Amino acid sequence: MFIRALEECEEFIAGDATRIREILNPRKQALDLRYSLAHAKLSKGEASVPHRLRTSEVYYILHGRGTMHIDDESVEVSDGQAVYIPPNSVQHIENTGEEALVFLCIVDPAWRAEDEEVL
C-alpha cells in the first residue's frame, strides 16, 4: 500500500509557470502505474505558459474558475470539470476567477521532462 499526503509533496514552479506538487509518478516511486498525478495551482490573474506534451493529459478542476486553451479552442472551466488534452496539443490555462485555480493533472504515460516543450 502507498499513501502520500499532499503536504508531503514539495511544491515547485513547473516549466509552464504553475505551482506543482507531484503526488504520484512511477518513475520516482515503485508503483505499478502508467500515469502520473500532480496537484497544480495558479493564483488570481496568473496563467500557465503555452506548452505541449507528447502524452495525453487530463486536468480535473478542484477549485476556482479559468479558461482552458487547447490549440485554437478556448472554454471556461470551473469546479468539478475534467478537460482532456490530446497529445501534442498546444495548451495553457488561465485563472479568470477571484480565488486560486486548483486542479489535478493526470499524464499518461507518466510525465517526463523530455516529453514537454514550453513554447
C-alpha atoms as a PDB file:
ATOM      1  CA  MET A   1       0.000   0.000   0.000  1.00  0.00           C
ATOM      2  CA  PHE A   2       1.220   3.505  -0.818  1.00  0.00           C
ATOM      3  CA  ILE A   3      -0.331   6.591   0.753  1.00  0.00           C
ATOM      4  CA  ARG A   4       1.013  10.098   0.274  1.00  0.00           C
ATOM      5  CA  ALA A   5      -0.438  13.322   1.654  1.00  0.00           C
ATOM      6  CA  LEU A   6      -0.301  16.476  -0.447  1.00  0.00           C
ATOM      7  CA  GLU A   7       1.634  18.246   2.305  1.00  0.00           C
ATOM      8  CA  GLU A   8       4.432  15.663   1.909  1.00  0.00           C
ATOM      9  CA  CYS A   9       4.962  16.708  -1.716  1.00  0.00           C
ATOM     10  CA  GLU A  10       7.416  19.515  -2.320  1.00  0.00           C
ATOM     11  CA  GLU A  11       5.961  22.457  -4.237  1.00  0.00           C
ATOM     12  CA  PHE A  12       7.919  23.783  -7.219  1.00  0.00           C
ATOM     13  CA  ILE A  13       7.352  26.059 -10.194  1.00  0.00           C
ATOM     14  CA  ALA A  14       6.986  23.977 -13.342  1.00  0.00           C
ATOM     15  CA  GLY A  15       8.265  24.969 -16.771  1.00  0.00           C
ATOM     16  CA  ASP A  16       4.752  26.176 -17.642  1.00  0.00           C
ATOM     17  CA  ALA A  17       4.785  28.514 -14.563  1.00  0.00           C
ATOM     18  CA  THR A  18       2.217  26.593 -12.490  1.00  0.00           C
ATOM     19  CA  ARG A  19       2.884  25.709  -8.860  1.00  0.00           C
ATOM     20  CA  ILE A  20       3.053  21.924  -8.811  1.00  0.00           C
ATOM     21  CA  ARG A  21       3.154  19.203  -6.183  1.00  0.00           C
ATOM     22  CA  GLU A  22       3.837  15.861  -7.824  1.00  0.00           C
ATOM     23  CA  ILE A  23       1.833  13.273  -5.899  1.00  0.00           C
ATOM     24  CA  LEU A  24       2.449  10.073  -7.866  1.00  0.00           C
ATOM     25  CA  ASN A  25       4.954   9.254 -10.581  1.00  0.00           C
ATOM     26  CA  PRO A  26       6.015   5.635 -11.211  1.00  0.00           C
ATOM     27  CA  ARG A  27       9.387   6.946 -12.399  1.00  0.00           C
ATOM     28  CA  LYS A  28      10.014   8.230  -8.849  1.00  0.00           C
ATOM     29  CA  GLN A  29       8.124   5.706  -6.716  1.00  0.00           C
ATOM     30  CA  ALA A  30       7.929   1.942  -7.020  1.00  0.00           C
ATOM     31  CA  LEU A  31       4.337   1.939  -8.267  1.00  0.00           C
ATOM     32  CA  ASP A  32       2.724  -0.163 -10.967  1.00  0.00           C
ATOM     33  CA  LEU A  33       1.128   2.809 -12.786  1.00  0.00           C
ATOM     34  CA  ARG A  34       1.201   4.116 -16.336  1.00  0.00           C
ATOM     35  CA  TYR A  35       0.189   7.651 -15.354  1.00  0.00           C
ATOM     36  CA  SER A  36       1.433  10.410 -13.072  1.00  0.00           C
ATOM     37  CA  LEU A  37      -0.692  12.602 -10.814  1.00  0.00           C
ATOM     38  CA  ALA A  38       0.120  16.180  -9.807  1.00  0.00           C
ATOM     39  CA  HIS A  39      -1.664  18.957  -7.912  1.00  0.00           C
ATOM     40  CA  ALA A  40      -1.423  22.360  -9.628  1.00  0.00           C
ATOM     41  CA  LYS A  41      -2.275  25.886  -8.566  1.00  0.00           C
ATOM     42  CA  LEU A  42      -2.475  29.310 -10.198  1.00  0.00           C
ATOM     43  CA  SER A  43      -3.194  32.430  -8.156  1.00  0.00           C
ATOM     44  CA  LYS A  44      -5.726  35.064  -9.214  1.00  0.00           C
ATOM     45  CA  GLY A  45      -4.669  36.612 -12.543  1.00  0.00           C
ATOM     46  CA  GLU A  46      -1.977  34.007 -13.299  1.00  0.00           C
ATOM     47  CA  ALA A  47      -1.780  31.785 -16.377  1.00  0.00           C
ATOM     48  CA  SER A  48       0.372  28.874 -17.385  1.00  0.00           C
ATOM     49  CA  VAL A  49       2.797  29.318 -20.263  1.00  0.00           C
ATOM     50  CA  PRO A  50       1.737  27.725 -23.563  1.00  0.00           C
ATOM     51  CA  HIS A  51       3.290  24.277 -23.832  1.00  0.00           C
ATOM     52  CA  ARG A  52       2.708  20.853 -25.315  1.00  0.00           C
ATOM     53  CA  LEU A  53       3.188  17.297 -24.139  1.00  0.00           C
ATOM     54  CA  ARG A  54       3.843  14.260 -26.314  1.00  0.00           C
ATOM     55  CA  THR A  55       1.487  12.417 -23.980  1.00  0.00           C
ATOM     56  CA  SER A  56      -2.206  12.791 -23.169  1.00  0.00           C
ATOM     57  CA  GLU A  57      -3.246  14.788 -20.140  1.00  0.00           C
ATOM     58  CA  VAL A  58      -6.386  15.385 -18.099  1.00  0.00           C
ATOM     59  CA  TYR A  59      -6.993  18.410 -15.874  1.00  0.00           C
ATOM     60  CA  TYR A  60      -9.599  17.968 -13.148  1.00  0.00           C
ATOM     61  CA  ILE A  61     -10.660  21.319 -11.666  1.00  0.00           C
ATOM     62  CA  LEU A  62     -10.902  21.159  -7.871  1.00  0.00           C
ATOM     63  CA  HIS A  63     -11.493  24.843  -7.125  1.00  0.00           C
ATOM     64  CA  GLY A  64     -11.787  28.129  -8.974  1.00  0.00           C
ATOM     65  CA  ARG A  65     -12.586  29.377 -12.448  1.00  0.00           C
ATOM     66  CA  GLY A  66     -10.470  29.662 -15.531  1.00  0.00           C
ATOM     67  CA  THR A  67     -10.163  29.493 -19.281  1.00  0.00           C
ATOM     68  CA  MET A  68      -8.595  26.404 -20.833  1.00  0.00           C
ATOM     69  CA  HIS A  69      -6.898  26.912 -24.194  1.00  0.00           C
ATOM     70  CA  ILE A  70      -6.150  23.888 -26.392  1.00  0.00           C
ATOM     71  CA  ASP A  71      -4.836  24.657 -29.875  1.00  0.00           C
ATOM     72  CA  ASP A  72      -7.405  27.081 -31.376  1.00  0.00           C
ATOM     73  CA  GLU A  73     -10.185  26.335 -28.865  1.00  0.00           C
ATOM     74  CA  SER A  74     -10.928  28.041 -25.551  1.00  0.00           C
ATOM     75  CA  VAL A  75     -13.507  27.058 -22.935  1.00  0.00           C
ATOM     76  CA  GLU A  76     -14.457  28.272 -19.458  1.00  0.00           C
ATOM     77  CA  VAL A  77     -13.783  25.721 -16.705  1.00  0.00           C
ATOM     78  CA  SER A  78     -14.760  25.505 -13.037  1.00  0.00           C
ATOM     79  CA  ASP A  79     -15.101  23.171 -10.047  1.00  0.00           C
ATOM     80  CA  GLY A  80     -15.838  19.550 -10.848  1.00  0.00           C
ATOM     81  CA  GLN A  81     -14.999  19.641 -14.552  1.00  0.00           C
ATOM     82  CA  ALA A  82     -12.480  17.445 -16.362  1.00  0.00           C
ATOM     83  CA  VAL A  83     -10.631  18.510 -19.512  1.00  0.00           C
ATOM     84  CA  TYR A  84      -8.943  16.030 -21.861  1.00  0.00           C
ATOM     85  CA  ILE A  85      -5.837  17.398 -23.592  1.00  0.00           C
ATOM     86  CA  PRO A  86      -4.746  15.301 -26.592  1.00  0.00           C
ATOM     87  CA  PRO A  87      -1.044  14.555 -27.159  1.00  0.00           C
ATOM     88  CA  ASN A  88       0.956  17.297 -28.938  1.00  0.00           C
ATOM     89  CA  SER A  89      -1.726  19.954 -28.401  1.00  0.00           C
ATOM     90  CA  VAL A  90      -0.616  23.490 -27.568  1.00  0.00           C
ATOM     91  CA  GLN A  91      -2.229  24.211 -24.223  1.00  0.00           C
ATOM     92  CA  HIS A  92      -2.385  26.677 -21.389  1.00  0.00           C
ATOM     93  CA  ILE A  93      -4.860  27.604 -18.673  1.00  0.00           C
ATOM     94  CA  GLU A  94      -5.550  30.980 -17.113  1.00  0.00           C
ATOM     95  CA  ASN A  95      -7.155  31.834 -13.807  1.00  0.00           C
ATOM     96  CA  THR A  96     -10.077  34.165 -14.527  1.00  0.00           C
ATOM     97  CA  GLY A  97     -11.652  33.926 -11.083  1.00  0.00           C
ATOM     98  CA  GLU A  98     -11.288  35.798  -7.812  1.00  0.00           C
ATOM     99  CA  GLU A  99      -9.599  32.902  -5.970  1.00  0.00           C
ATOM    100  CA  ALA A 100      -6.847  30.391  -6.685  1.00  0.00           C
ATOM    101  CA  LEU A 101      -7.427  27.969  -9.545  1.00  0.00           C
ATOM    102  CA  VAL A 102      -6.572  24.494  -8.224  1.00  0.00           C
ATOM    103  CA  PHE A 103      -6.568  21.365 -10.368  1.00  0.00           C
ATOM    104  CA  LEU A 104      -5.195  17.861 -10.706  1.00  0.00           C
ATOM    105  CA  CYS A 105      -3.043  16.894 -13.698  1.00  0.00           C
ATOM    106  CA  ILE A 106      -3.088  13.289 -14.840  1.00  0.00           C
ATOM    107  CA  VAL A 107      -0.484  12.497 -17.506  1.00  0.00           C
ATOM    108  CA  ASP A 108      -0.467   9.173 -19.373  1.00  0.00           C
ATOM    109  CA  PRO A 109       2.081   7.770 -19.797  1.00  0.00           C
ATOM    110  CA  ALA A 110       3.690   9.318 -16.722  1.00  0.00           C
ATOM    111  CA  TRP A 111       5.153  12.812 -17.057  1.00  0.00           C
ATOM    112  CA  ARG A 112       8.800  13.158 -18.085  1.00  0.00           C
ATOM    113  CA  ALA A 113      10.629  16.432 -18.737  1.00  0.00           C
ATOM    114  CA  GLU A 114      11.702  15.272 -22.200  1.00  0.00           C
ATOM    115  CA  ASP A 115       8.025  14.875 -23.208  1.00  0.00           C
ATOM    116  CA  GLU A 116       7.231  18.545 -22.552  1.00  0.00           C
ATOM    117  CA  GLU A 117       8.000  21.538 -24.751  1.00  0.00           C
ATOM    118  CA  VAL A 118       7.456  25.013 -23.273  1.00  0.00           C
ATOM    119  CA  LEU A 119       6.717  27.492 -26.062  1.00  0.00           C
END
